[in-house]
Structure formats: C-alpha cells, structure tokens
N, C-alpha and C. Protein backbone atom coordinates (compact mmCIF):
# COMPACT_ATOMS: atom_id res chain seq x y z
N MET A 1 -105.91 132.28 247.13
CA MET A 1 -105.61 131.33 246.65
C MET A 1 -106.84 131.08 246.75
N TYR A 2 -106.92 130.33 245.38
CA TYR A 2 -108.69 130.33 244.84
C TYR A 2 -108.83 128.87 244.93
N LYS A 3 -110.41 128.37 244.78
CA LYS A 3 -110.67 127.25 244.99
C LYS A 3 -111.73 127.22 244.64
N ASP A 4 -112.24 125.66 244.59
CA ASP A 4 -113.46 125.88 243.28
C ASP A 4 -114.62 127.12 243.87
N ASP A 5 -114.56 126.51 244.73
CA ASP A 5 -116.12 127.74 245.08
C ASP A 5 -115.39 129.03 245.84
N GLY A 6 -114.96 129.63 245.53
CA GLY A 6 -114.40 130.76 246.08
C GLY A 6 -112.93 130.87 246.47
N VAL A 7 -112.97 132.32 247.27
CA VAL A 7 -111.60 132.05 246.77
C VAL A 7 -110.77 132.92 248.05
N ILE A 8 -109.67 132.65 248.86
CA ILE A 8 -109.27 132.97 250.72
C ILE A 8 -108.11 134.34 250.05
N ILE A 9 -108.57 135.16 250.76
CA ILE A 9 -107.69 135.71 251.14
C ILE A 9 -106.58 136.49 252.30
N SER A 10 -105.81 135.50 252.00
CA SER A 10 -104.44 136.10 253.33
C SER A 10 -103.27 136.42 252.86
N GLN A 11 -101.92 136.88 254.21
CA GLN A 11 -101.45 137.72 253.90
C GLN A 11 -100.45 136.89 254.56
N ARG A 12 -100.18 135.71 253.90
CA ARG A 12 -99.08 134.62 254.53
C ARG A 12 -98.18 135.21 254.50
N LYS A 13 -97.09 135.58 253.51
CA LYS A 13 -95.41 136.86 253.37
C LYS A 13 -95.73 137.53 254.75
N PHE A 14 -96.89 138.54 254.79
CA PHE A 14 -97.05 139.47 255.03
C PHE A 14 -96.39 139.08 256.91
N VAL A 15 -97.70 138.13 257.22
CA VAL A 15 -97.29 137.49 258.70
C VAL A 15 -95.78 136.49 258.64
N LEU A 16 -95.05 135.82 257.64
CA LEU A 16 -93.92 134.70 257.69
C LEU A 16 -93.00 136.35 258.01
N ASP A 17 -93.13 137.59 256.57
CA ASP A 17 -92.31 137.98 257.62
C ASP A 17 -92.27 138.65 258.74
N LEU A 18 -93.19 139.17 259.21
CA LEU A 18 -93.57 139.83 260.41
C LEU A 18 -92.97 139.16 261.63
N LEU A 19 -93.03 137.81 261.67
CA LEU A 19 -92.63 137.21 262.83
C LEU A 19 -90.80 136.78 262.10
N LYS A 20 -90.49 136.92 260.83
CA LYS A 20 -88.66 137.20 261.03
C LYS A 20 -88.49 138.46 261.12
N GLU A 21 -88.74 139.44 261.21
CA GLU A 21 -88.93 140.63 261.29
C GLU A 21 -88.33 140.63 263.43
N TYR A 22 -89.43 140.49 264.16
CA TYR A 22 -89.67 140.38 264.84
C TYR A 22 -89.09 139.20 265.81
N ASN A 23 -87.89 138.05 264.98
CA ASN A 23 -87.53 137.25 265.60
C ASN A 23 -88.65 135.79 266.41
N CYS A 24 -89.62 135.66 265.79
CA CYS A 24 -89.98 135.15 266.49
C CYS A 24 -90.81 133.53 265.61
N LEU A 25 -90.33 133.07 264.33
CA LEU A 25 -90.54 132.52 263.87
C LEU A 25 -90.31 130.32 264.04
N ASP A 26 -89.78 130.92 265.56
CA ASP A 26 -88.62 130.01 266.36
C ASP A 26 -89.67 129.38 267.88
N TYR A 27 -90.22 130.70 267.77
CA TYR A 27 -91.16 130.94 269.07
C TYR A 27 -92.39 129.56 269.59
N LYS A 28 -92.37 129.23 270.74
CA LYS A 28 -93.71 128.30 270.08
C LYS A 28 -95.25 128.56 270.28
N PRO A 29 -95.94 128.28 269.63
CA PRO A 29 -97.62 129.53 269.08
C PRO A 29 -97.88 128.69 269.66
N CYS A 30 -98.80 129.38 270.25
CA CYS A 30 -100.33 129.51 271.17
C CYS A 30 -101.73 129.61 270.80
N SER A 31 -102.32 129.05 271.40
CA SER A 31 -103.98 129.18 270.91
C SER A 31 -104.50 130.10 271.17
N SER A 32 -104.31 131.81 271.80
CA SER A 32 -105.51 132.12 271.98
C SER A 32 -103.91 133.71 272.08
N PRO A 33 -104.96 134.66 271.23
CA PRO A 33 -104.50 135.89 270.35
C PRO A 33 -104.00 136.62 271.59
N LEU A 34 -104.54 136.94 273.00
CA LEU A 34 -104.24 137.41 274.13
C LEU A 34 -104.20 136.53 275.21
N ASP A 35 -103.24 136.45 276.30
CA ASP A 35 -103.14 135.74 277.93
C ASP A 35 -104.28 136.24 278.61
N PRO A 36 -105.31 135.25 278.83
CA PRO A 36 -106.43 135.28 279.49
C PRO A 36 -106.03 135.52 280.77
N THR A 37 -105.40 135.45 281.13
CA THR A 37 -104.72 135.84 282.34
C THR A 37 -104.24 136.90 282.77
N THR A 38 -104.09 137.83 282.23
CA THR A 38 -103.27 138.62 282.20
C THR A 38 -104.49 140.18 281.94
N LYS A 39 -104.92 140.93 282.46
CA LYS A 39 -105.39 142.23 282.04
C LYS A 39 -104.55 143.98 282.28
N LEU A 40 -104.26 144.06 280.79
CA LEU A 40 -103.28 145.04 280.74
C LEU A 40 -103.88 145.64 281.83
N LYS A 41 -102.75 146.60 281.85
CA LYS A 41 -103.31 148.36 282.64
C LYS A 41 -102.55 149.27 282.33
N ALA A 42 -102.76 150.40 281.77
CA ALA A 42 -102.38 152.47 281.25
C ALA A 42 -100.71 152.53 282.05
N LYS A 43 -100.61 152.16 283.29
CA LYS A 43 -99.94 153.20 283.71
C LYS A 43 -99.11 151.92 284.95
N GLU A 44 -99.41 150.50 284.06
CA GLU A 44 -98.87 148.82 284.82
C GLU A 44 -97.90 148.57 284.23
N GLY A 45 -96.28 148.99 284.57
CA GLY A 45 -94.50 148.08 284.61
C GLY A 45 -93.61 149.24 283.84
N THR A 46 -92.74 148.92 283.80
CA THR A 46 -91.79 149.88 282.94
C THR A 46 -92.20 150.20 282.36
N ILE A 47 -92.10 151.88 281.77
CA ILE A 47 -91.73 152.64 280.27
C ILE A 47 -90.72 151.95 278.55
N LEU A 48 -91.08 151.47 278.13
CA LEU A 48 -90.41 150.98 276.79
C LEU A 48 -89.40 151.99 277.13
N GLN A 49 -88.43 151.53 276.47
CA GLN A 49 -87.41 152.54 276.49
C GLN A 49 -87.00 153.16 274.29
N ASP A 50 -87.76 152.28 273.59
CA ASP A 50 -87.99 152.76 272.84
C ASP A 50 -89.18 153.07 271.91
N LEU A 51 -90.15 153.21 271.97
CA LEU A 51 -91.81 153.36 272.41
C LEU A 51 -91.87 153.37 270.75
N THR A 52 -91.18 153.53 269.77
CA THR A 52 -91.25 153.25 267.96
C THR A 52 -91.59 152.28 268.25
N TYR A 53 -90.43 151.09 268.51
CA TYR A 53 -90.24 149.77 268.54
C TYR A 53 -91.71 149.06 268.75
N TYR A 54 -92.89 149.94 269.88
CA TYR A 54 -94.04 148.95 270.05
C TYR A 54 -95.41 149.25 268.68
N LYS A 55 -94.85 151.02 268.34
CA LYS A 55 -95.87 151.87 268.08
C LYS A 55 -95.86 151.42 266.37
N LYS A 56 -94.62 150.89 266.30
CA LYS A 56 -94.96 150.81 264.97
C LYS A 56 -94.90 148.56 264.33
N LEU A 57 -94.75 147.70 265.37
CA LEU A 57 -95.24 146.53 265.46
C LEU A 57 -96.99 146.61 266.06
N VAL A 58 -98.01 147.05 266.43
CA VAL A 58 -98.78 147.26 266.58
C VAL A 58 -99.12 148.64 265.72
N GLY A 59 -99.19 148.65 264.70
CA GLY A 59 -99.40 149.17 263.57
C GLY A 59 -99.36 148.32 262.52
N LYS A 60 -98.23 147.23 262.46
CA LYS A 60 -98.76 146.60 261.44
C LYS A 60 -99.13 145.60 261.51
N LEU A 61 -99.69 144.72 263.44
CA LEU A 61 -100.62 143.92 263.61
C LEU A 61 -102.21 144.55 263.15
N ASN A 62 -102.54 146.05 263.41
CA ASN A 62 -102.86 147.40 262.51
C ASN A 62 -103.51 146.05 261.03
N PHE A 63 -102.50 146.46 260.44
CA PHE A 63 -102.51 145.67 258.92
C PHE A 63 -103.65 144.53 258.78
N LEU A 64 -102.54 144.45 259.55
CA LEU A 64 -102.74 142.45 259.09
C LEU A 64 -104.36 142.14 259.68
N THR A 65 -105.43 143.41 260.64
CA THR A 65 -106.57 142.77 260.72
C THR A 65 -107.43 143.01 259.34
N ASN A 66 -107.40 143.83 258.29
CA ASN A 66 -107.67 143.03 257.55
C ASN A 66 -107.67 142.10 256.81
N THR A 67 -107.71 141.00 257.00
CA THR A 67 -107.65 139.47 256.81
C THR A 67 -107.78 138.22 257.90
N ARG A 68 -107.84 139.32 259.19
CA ARG A 68 -107.72 138.18 260.31
C ARG A 68 -109.03 138.87 261.23
N LEU A 69 -109.90 138.78 261.04
CA LEU A 69 -110.63 139.33 261.83
C LEU A 69 -110.55 138.65 263.47
N ASP A 70 -110.10 137.70 263.98
CA ASP A 70 -109.79 136.24 265.01
C ASP A 70 -108.90 137.62 265.76
N ILE A 71 -107.53 138.56 264.93
CA ILE A 71 -107.70 139.35 265.68
C ILE A 71 -107.57 141.19 266.16
N ALA A 72 -109.08 141.13 265.62
CA ALA A 72 -109.30 142.28 265.18
C ALA A 72 -109.18 143.13 266.62
N TYR A 73 -109.90 142.26 268.01
CA TYR A 73 -110.04 142.47 269.41
C TYR A 73 -108.82 142.89 270.06
N SER A 74 -108.13 141.99 269.88
CA SER A 74 -106.55 142.09 270.78
C SER A 74 -105.56 143.23 270.30
N VAL A 75 -106.09 143.61 268.87
CA VAL A 75 -105.08 144.66 268.57
C VAL A 75 -105.54 146.04 268.53
N GLN A 76 -106.92 146.42 268.98
CA GLN A 76 -107.61 147.58 268.88
C GLN A 76 -107.18 147.39 270.72
N HIS A 77 -107.04 146.54 271.99
CA HIS A 77 -107.03 146.10 272.60
C HIS A 77 -105.78 147.23 272.74
N LEU A 78 -104.30 146.15 272.50
CA LEU A 78 -102.71 146.68 271.70
C LEU A 78 -102.71 148.37 271.26
N SER A 79 -103.67 149.02 270.87
CA SER A 79 -104.20 150.28 270.34
C SER A 79 -103.68 151.01 271.31
N GLN A 80 -104.12 150.87 272.39
CA GLN A 80 -104.65 151.49 273.22
C GLN A 80 -103.50 151.92 274.04
N PHE A 81 -102.56 151.41 274.16
CA PHE A 81 -101.81 152.19 274.81
C PHE A 81 -100.00 152.61 274.49
N MET A 82 -100.56 153.51 272.93
CA MET A 82 -99.15 153.28 271.50
C MET A 82 -99.10 154.86 272.66
N GLN A 83 -99.19 155.39 272.76
CA GLN A 83 -99.46 156.78 273.70
C GLN A 83 -97.44 156.70 274.98
N GLU A 84 -97.79 155.54 275.64
CA GLU A 84 -96.93 155.73 276.70
C GLU A 84 -97.17 153.57 276.34
N PRO A 85 -96.44 152.84 275.70
CA PRO A 85 -96.05 151.77 275.83
C PRO A 85 -95.66 151.02 276.95
N ARG A 86 -95.88 149.98 277.70
CA ARG A 86 -94.43 149.59 279.01
C ARG A 86 -94.50 148.52 278.55
N GLU A 87 -93.34 147.53 279.41
CA GLU A 87 -93.27 146.02 279.17
C GLU A 87 -93.96 145.27 278.74
N PRO A 88 -95.23 145.48 279.83
CA PRO A 88 -96.54 144.02 279.83
C PRO A 88 -97.22 144.26 278.42
N HIS A 89 -97.85 145.71 277.75
CA HIS A 89 -97.63 145.35 277.02
C HIS A 89 -97.28 145.02 275.45
N LEU A 90 -95.64 145.28 275.17
CA LEU A 90 -95.31 144.74 274.81
C LEU A 90 -94.85 143.20 274.45
N LYS A 91 -95.82 142.59 276.44
CA LYS A 91 -94.82 141.53 275.87
C LYS A 91 -96.57 140.87 275.97
N ALA A 92 -97.57 141.17 275.96
CA ALA A 92 -98.93 140.76 275.22
C ALA A 92 -99.01 140.76 273.23
N ALA A 93 -97.84 141.91 273.70
CA ALA A 93 -97.63 142.04 271.56
C ALA A 93 -97.01 141.02 270.79
N PHE A 94 -95.89 140.43 271.55
CA PHE A 94 -95.72 139.13 271.25
C PHE A 94 -96.05 137.38 271.37
N HIS A 95 -97.39 137.35 272.63
CA HIS A 95 -98.00 137.10 272.73
C HIS A 95 -99.06 136.86 271.51
N LEU A 96 -98.82 138.19 270.63
CA LEU A 96 -99.84 137.81 270.03
C LEU A 96 -99.40 137.17 268.68
N LEU A 97 -97.69 138.38 268.87
CA LEU A 97 -97.49 137.56 266.95
C LEU A 97 -97.13 135.51 267.76
N ARG A 98 -96.57 134.74 269.00
CA ARG A 98 -97.14 134.11 268.92
C ARG A 98 -98.41 133.10 268.21
N TYR A 99 -99.15 133.37 268.57
CA TYR A 99 -100.95 132.78 268.31
C TYR A 99 -101.19 133.54 266.17
N LEU A 100 -99.94 134.10 265.81
CA LEU A 100 -99.83 134.21 264.20
C LEU A 100 -99.19 132.90 264.08
N ARG A 101 -97.98 132.34 264.58
CA ARG A 101 -96.81 131.68 264.40
C ARG A 101 -97.77 130.38 264.38
N ASN A 102 -99.28 130.33 264.60
CA ASN A 102 -99.76 128.99 265.27
C ASN A 102 -100.21 128.72 263.94
N ASP A 103 -100.74 129.50 263.14
CA ASP A 103 -101.28 129.00 261.50
C ASP A 103 -101.24 130.77 260.37
N PRO A 104 -100.11 130.81 260.22
CA PRO A 104 -100.23 132.14 259.07
C PRO A 104 -100.88 132.50 257.89
N THR A 105 -100.97 131.16 257.94
CA THR A 105 -101.79 130.99 256.24
C THR A 105 -103.14 131.75 256.88
N LEU A 106 -103.81 132.09 258.09
CA LEU A 106 -105.09 132.03 258.35
C LEU A 106 -105.61 133.63 257.70
N GLY A 107 -107.13 133.34 256.77
CA GLY A 107 -107.54 134.35 256.37
C GLY A 107 -108.93 134.54 255.99
N ILE A 108 -109.47 134.92 255.45
CA ILE A 108 -110.88 135.43 254.67
C ILE A 108 -111.54 134.46 253.41
N PHE A 109 -112.55 133.56 254.06
CA PHE A 109 -113.21 132.57 252.69
C PHE A 109 -114.17 133.60 252.41
N MET A 110 -113.54 134.05 250.80
CA MET A 110 -114.84 134.54 250.24
C MET A 110 -115.74 133.74 248.53
N SER A 111 -117.19 133.70 249.53
CA SER A 111 -117.44 132.25 248.55
C SER A 111 -118.24 132.71 246.98
N LYS A 112 -118.02 132.05 246.53
CA LYS A 112 -118.83 132.54 244.78
C LYS A 112 -120.29 132.41 244.50
N ASP A 113 -121.08 131.98 246.13
CA ASP A 113 -121.93 131.04 245.66
C ASP A 113 -122.89 132.41 245.42
N GLY A 114 -124.19 132.17 244.95
CA GLY A 114 -125.29 133.53 244.31
C GLY A 114 -125.95 133.46 245.91
N ASP A 115 -125.71 133.07 247.37
CA ASP A 115 -126.14 134.91 248.22
C ASP A 115 -126.36 135.38 248.65
N HIS A 116 -126.77 136.39 248.93
CA HIS A 116 -127.10 137.65 248.64
C HIS A 116 -127.43 138.15 250.05
N THR A 117 -127.62 136.97 250.85
CA THR A 117 -128.41 137.45 252.29
C THR A 117 -126.91 138.49 253.27
N VAL A 118 -127.61 139.88 253.98
CA VAL A 118 -126.64 140.45 254.95
C VAL A 118 -127.36 139.47 256.27
N LYS A 119 -126.02 139.29 257.01
CA LYS A 119 -126.66 138.54 258.43
C LYS A 119 -125.10 139.52 259.28
N ALA A 120 -125.52 140.12 259.74
CA ALA A 120 -125.17 140.76 261.52
C ALA A 120 -125.26 140.33 262.57
N TYR A 121 -123.47 140.28 263.75
CA TYR A 121 -124.16 140.02 264.58
C TYR A 121 -122.78 140.96 265.27
N CYS A 122 -123.53 141.17 266.77
CA CYS A 122 -123.09 142.25 267.75
C CYS A 122 -123.19 141.79 268.83
N ASP A 123 -122.42 142.75 269.52
CA ASP A 123 -121.75 142.48 270.88
C ASP A 123 -120.88 143.41 271.58
N SER A 124 -120.94 143.73 272.94
CA SER A 124 -120.35 144.59 273.30
C SER A 124 -120.06 143.84 275.52
N ASP A 125 -118.66 144.43 275.81
CA ASP A 125 -118.14 144.08 276.36
C ASP A 125 -118.69 145.06 277.59
N ARG A 126 -118.95 144.83 278.48
CA ARG A 126 -119.56 146.18 279.75
C ARG A 126 -118.04 146.44 280.16
N ALA A 127 -117.82 148.01 280.33
CA ALA A 127 -116.30 148.81 281.08
C ALA A 127 -115.26 147.11 280.60
N ALA A 128 -115.10 147.07 279.76
CA ALA A 128 -113.51 145.99 279.56
C ALA A 128 -112.30 146.17 280.16
N CYS A 129 -112.28 148.06 279.34
CA CYS A 129 -111.01 148.61 280.28
C CYS A 129 -111.21 149.17 281.47
N PRO A 130 -110.21 148.51 282.59
CA PRO A 130 -109.98 148.93 283.85
C PRO A 130 -109.44 150.74 284.29
N ASP A 131 -109.53 150.72 283.30
CA ASP A 131 -108.20 152.53 283.41
C ASP A 131 -109.65 153.17 282.66
N SER A 132 -110.34 153.20 281.60
CA SER A 132 -111.40 154.24 282.16
C SER A 132 -113.16 153.54 282.00
N ARG A 133 -113.46 152.59 281.92
CA ARG A 133 -114.53 151.48 282.49
C ARG A 133 -115.46 151.78 281.05
N ARG A 134 -114.59 152.19 280.09
CA ARG A 134 -115.03 152.49 278.90
C ARG A 134 -115.93 150.53 278.11
N SER A 135 -116.96 150.89 277.43
CA SER A 135 -117.34 149.10 277.04
C SER A 135 -116.47 148.82 275.16
N ILE A 136 -116.29 147.79 275.61
CA ILE A 136 -116.60 147.89 273.88
C ILE A 136 -117.35 147.10 272.80
N THR A 137 -117.32 147.24 271.71
CA THR A 137 -118.22 146.91 270.53
C THR A 137 -117.39 145.61 269.98
N GLY A 138 -118.12 144.98 269.53
CA GLY A 138 -117.33 144.49 268.50
C GLY A 138 -118.29 143.97 267.63
N TYR A 139 -118.55 143.98 266.32
CA TYR A 139 -120.01 143.35 265.12
C TYR A 139 -118.90 142.88 264.38
N LEU A 140 -119.19 141.64 263.40
CA LEU A 140 -120.12 141.25 262.09
C LEU A 140 -120.21 141.39 261.80
N VAL A 141 -120.16 141.29 260.17
CA VAL A 141 -121.27 141.32 258.76
C VAL A 141 -120.90 140.53 258.13
N LEU A 142 -122.15 139.75 257.45
CA LEU A 142 -121.35 138.49 256.47
C LEU A 142 -122.55 138.80 255.02
N LEU A 143 -121.90 139.50 254.59
CA LEU A 143 -122.86 138.00 252.96
C LEU A 143 -123.31 137.01 252.25
N GLY A 144 -124.36 136.32 251.99
CA GLY A 144 -124.30 135.11 252.50
C GLY A 144 -123.05 134.70 252.79
N ASN A 145 -121.91 133.84 253.20
CA ASN A 145 -121.19 133.52 254.31
C ASN A 145 -119.82 134.06 254.58
N SER A 146 -119.91 134.94 253.56
CA SER A 146 -118.59 135.48 253.32
C SER A 146 -118.49 137.07 254.22
N PRO A 147 -117.71 137.84 255.19
CA PRO A 147 -117.19 138.32 255.57
C PRO A 147 -117.37 139.48 255.10
N ILE A 148 -118.23 140.54 255.36
CA ILE A 148 -117.23 142.18 254.42
C ILE A 148 -116.65 143.14 255.58
N SER A 149 -117.70 142.67 256.14
CA SER A 149 -117.58 143.67 257.51
C SER A 149 -116.88 143.60 259.25
N TRP A 150 -116.19 144.51 259.46
CA TRP A 150 -116.23 143.26 260.88
C TRP A 150 -114.94 144.15 261.72
N LYS A 151 -115.39 144.27 263.48
CA LYS A 151 -114.16 145.69 263.99
C LYS A 151 -115.00 145.73 265.17
N SER A 152 -113.82 145.91 266.26
CA SER A 152 -113.65 145.87 267.59
C SER A 152 -112.89 147.84 268.13
N LYS A 153 -114.01 148.54 268.66
CA LYS A 153 -113.62 149.51 268.90
C LYS A 153 -114.16 150.09 270.62
N LYS A 154 -113.27 150.10 271.17
CA LYS A 154 -113.98 151.31 272.30
C LYS A 154 -115.39 152.39 272.27
N GLN A 155 -115.95 152.10 273.35
CA GLN A 155 -116.90 152.87 272.72
C GLN A 155 -117.00 154.16 273.21
N LYS A 156 -116.87 155.46 273.01
CA LYS A 156 -116.07 156.62 272.58
C LYS A 156 -117.15 157.92 274.69
N THR A 157 -118.10 156.59 274.85
CA THR A 157 -118.59 157.30 276.50
C THR A 157 -118.84 155.71 277.81
N ILE A 158 -118.67 155.78 279.38
CA ILE A 158 -119.13 154.82 279.17
C ILE A 158 -120.77 154.62 280.10
N SER A 159 -120.74 153.28 279.64
CA SER A 159 -121.84 153.20 279.86
C SER A 159 -121.86 152.79 281.48
N LEU A 160 -123.16 153.24 281.63
CA LEU A 160 -124.03 152.12 282.84
C LEU A 160 -124.32 151.15 283.14
N SER A 161 -124.54 151.22 282.35
CA SER A 161 -125.35 149.34 282.54
C SER A 161 -125.00 147.95 281.16
N SER A 162 -125.04 147.42 281.37
CA SER A 162 -124.65 146.22 280.39
C SER A 162 -125.80 146.24 278.98
N ALA A 163 -127.41 146.87 279.18
CA ALA A 163 -128.38 146.77 278.66
C ALA A 163 -127.78 148.32 277.35
N GLU A 164 -126.96 149.91 278.36
CA GLU A 164 -126.96 150.70 277.73
C GLU A 164 -125.45 150.04 276.52
N ALA A 165 -124.80 149.53 277.43
CA ALA A 165 -123.16 149.09 276.05
C ALA A 165 -123.84 148.11 274.97
N GLU A 166 -125.09 147.75 275.60
CA GLU A 166 -125.18 146.75 273.95
C GLU A 166 -125.76 147.02 273.44
N TYR A 167 -126.56 148.25 273.13
CA TYR A 167 -127.50 149.41 273.19
C TYR A 167 -126.61 150.14 271.79
N ARG A 168 -125.46 150.82 272.62
CA ARG A 168 -124.35 151.64 271.53
C ARG A 168 -124.02 150.76 270.72
N ALA A 169 -124.05 149.62 270.77
CA ALA A 169 -123.81 148.56 269.97
C ALA A 169 -124.24 148.40 268.76
N LEU A 170 -125.26 147.80 269.32
CA LEU A 170 -126.06 147.82 267.98
C LEU A 170 -126.33 149.03 266.91
N ARG A 171 -126.36 149.90 267.66
CA ARG A 171 -126.27 151.21 267.13
C ARG A 171 -125.02 151.50 265.47
N LYS A 172 -124.60 150.84 266.55
CA LYS A 172 -122.91 151.02 265.17
C LYS A 172 -122.74 149.79 264.31
N VAL A 173 -123.78 148.74 264.61
CA VAL A 173 -123.87 148.01 263.54
C VAL A 173 -124.88 148.98 262.62
N VAL A 174 -125.68 149.17 263.42
CA VAL A 174 -126.59 149.59 262.41
C VAL A 174 -126.40 150.39 261.16
N GLY A 175 -125.50 151.69 261.70
CA GLY A 175 -125.13 152.49 261.07
C GLY A 175 -124.33 151.98 259.61
N GLU A 176 -123.63 150.90 260.29
CA GLU A 176 -122.85 150.02 258.99
C GLU A 176 -123.57 149.71 258.44
N LEU A 177 -124.67 148.88 258.31
CA LEU A 177 -125.68 147.94 257.50
C LEU A 177 -126.33 148.57 257.02
N VAL A 178 -126.62 150.04 257.70
CA VAL A 178 -126.77 151.48 256.59
C VAL A 178 -126.23 151.80 255.24
N TRP A 179 -124.38 152.37 255.68
CA TRP A 179 -124.03 152.68 254.78
C TRP A 179 -122.99 151.26 253.46
N LEU A 180 -123.50 150.36 254.06
CA LEU A 180 -123.57 149.23 253.12
C LEU A 180 -124.36 148.64 252.58
N SER A 181 -125.45 149.13 252.83
CA SER A 181 -126.77 148.67 251.83
C SER A 181 -127.03 150.11 250.39
N LYS A 182 -126.08 151.10 251.29
CA LYS A 182 -126.47 151.78 249.88
C LYS A 182 -124.77 151.18 249.15
N LEU A 183 -124.08 151.06 249.31
CA LEU A 183 -123.10 150.73 248.33
C LEU A 183 -123.75 149.97 247.50
N LEU A 184 -124.13 148.20 248.24
CA LEU A 184 -124.31 147.70 247.48
C LEU A 184 -125.66 147.98 246.37
N GLU A 185 -126.43 148.27 246.78
CA GLU A 185 -127.24 149.52 245.60
C GLU A 185 -126.84 150.14 244.59
N GLU A 186 -125.43 151.02 245.07
CA GLU A 186 -124.67 151.65 244.09
C GLU A 186 -123.87 150.35 243.24
N LEU A 187 -123.68 149.36 243.55
CA LEU A 187 -122.88 148.62 242.47
C LEU A 187 -124.27 147.66 242.32
N THR A 188 -124.98 147.64 242.70
CA THR A 188 -126.60 146.96 241.90
C THR A 188 -126.97 145.56 242.34
N VAL A 189 -126.17 145.03 243.38
CA VAL A 189 -125.75 143.52 244.16
C VAL A 189 -127.46 143.27 244.86
N PRO A 190 -127.76 142.98 244.13
CA PRO A 190 -129.06 142.47 245.07
C PRO A 190 -128.88 141.68 246.84
N PHE A 191 -129.73 142.10 247.08
CA PHE A 191 -129.87 141.32 248.82
C PHE A 191 -131.30 141.86 249.64
N PHE A 192 -130.69 140.67 250.68
CA PHE A 192 -131.91 141.12 251.76
C PHE A 192 -131.39 140.98 253.23
N LEU A 193 -131.68 141.83 254.34
CA LEU A 193 -130.67 141.59 255.60
C LEU A 193 -131.99 140.93 256.33
N ALA A 194 -131.27 139.64 256.31
CA ALA A 194 -132.33 138.71 257.03
C ALA A 194 -132.06 138.24 258.37
N TYR A 195 -131.48 139.04 259.56
CA TYR A 195 -131.14 139.10 261.24
C TYR A 195 -129.42 139.89 261.60
N LEU A 196 -130.66 140.04 262.54
CA LEU A 196 -129.12 140.94 263.61
C LEU A 196 -129.30 140.81 264.80
N ASN A 197 -127.99 139.64 265.24
CA ASN A 197 -128.05 138.29 266.86
C ASN A 197 -127.34 139.36 266.95
N PHE A 198 -127.44 139.36 268.21
CA PHE A 198 -126.41 139.41 269.50
C PHE A 198 -126.14 138.58 270.18
N LEU A 199 -124.35 138.45 270.04
CA LEU A 199 -123.59 137.48 270.59
C LEU A 199 -123.81 137.11 272.27
C-alpha cells in the first residue's frame, strides 16, 4: 500500500487465507503472540497424530515473518518443536493465529525520506529454552526509520552468564551489520552507523 511518505509492505491476503484455511476467522482475537502464562516444553503433552499439520502451519507462519517483525520470536519458539510436535505446541500456534486475527493488515513501513542512518538493537533472553538451557538472540536493524533486517534465533551453545548471552547477541548483530554495510556500498547507498543498542 502506497502512502505519501513511503510504502507499507503487508501480507494481508496471505494472513486472511491462513486464518480461513485453519478456520480461525471467527476466533476471538488476542493481544499477545504467545500466552505469557504457558511455558512450552519439548516432551510435554500428547504427540499429534498428524505431524505434517503442525509443520505446514509453522512453515506458513515462518514465511509471514518476512513482513511481521512482531511474530519473529513466537515463530522461532514454535519452530523448535517441528521434530515431534505435541498438543500444547499446536494450541500455542493457534494462539498466534488469534493474534494475527487482531490485525491482519499489519506490516512494515518503508519510509521514502533521505535518512540513511543505520541503527541496530539487540537483546538476549538467557536460558530461555527450558529443555536445552540455551539463550535466545534477537536483533533489529533500521535504515533511517525503516526496518531492513531482523531475527530471533536460539544460540548454538549454552551461555554460562547473562553477559555471555549478551555478547553472543552482540556478535550476531555486528556480523549482520558488516554484511549490510558491504551490500549498501555495492548499491551505492550512502549510510553511517548511528548506534548499536542493547535492549
């Protein structure tokens, strides 16, 4: 959708088709992507009879993260149960569908202003996974006020302290900034790094 000061990139039709496919159009919307009172575990609950049902749903949600920064953490969380999905995992996935029902048009806004300042934010959630005790890295990179890169991913090894988990998150976003700087240089886009901030 075009606006005077930029463009909104949205997957509204994809979201509505997804809600229709999983019979969620009449579900009551909810305000958070995951239920904050529920802690999902790999081996808790009954194994689903149809594993592909869950895998297909999470795969489509993963595709949606291309324009929905707000569900990146939730989809990453649901993706770790792809091997052996269980009923609580499917319930959490449907909770996420109810969240999407809240505003199917939400997307990312790409501003047309000439601000080429690069800003990066990163954070970590130490020992967030109750099964592996591994931490989660999350980051967001903005060009001006437009988001151009974001990710939420489980760290490869266990961090022994919050400082170590934060360092790993910082290392990940710095790697992304190095790659983006080379890309912007090739595209002859003038830019400068304003700041890198821990959340």
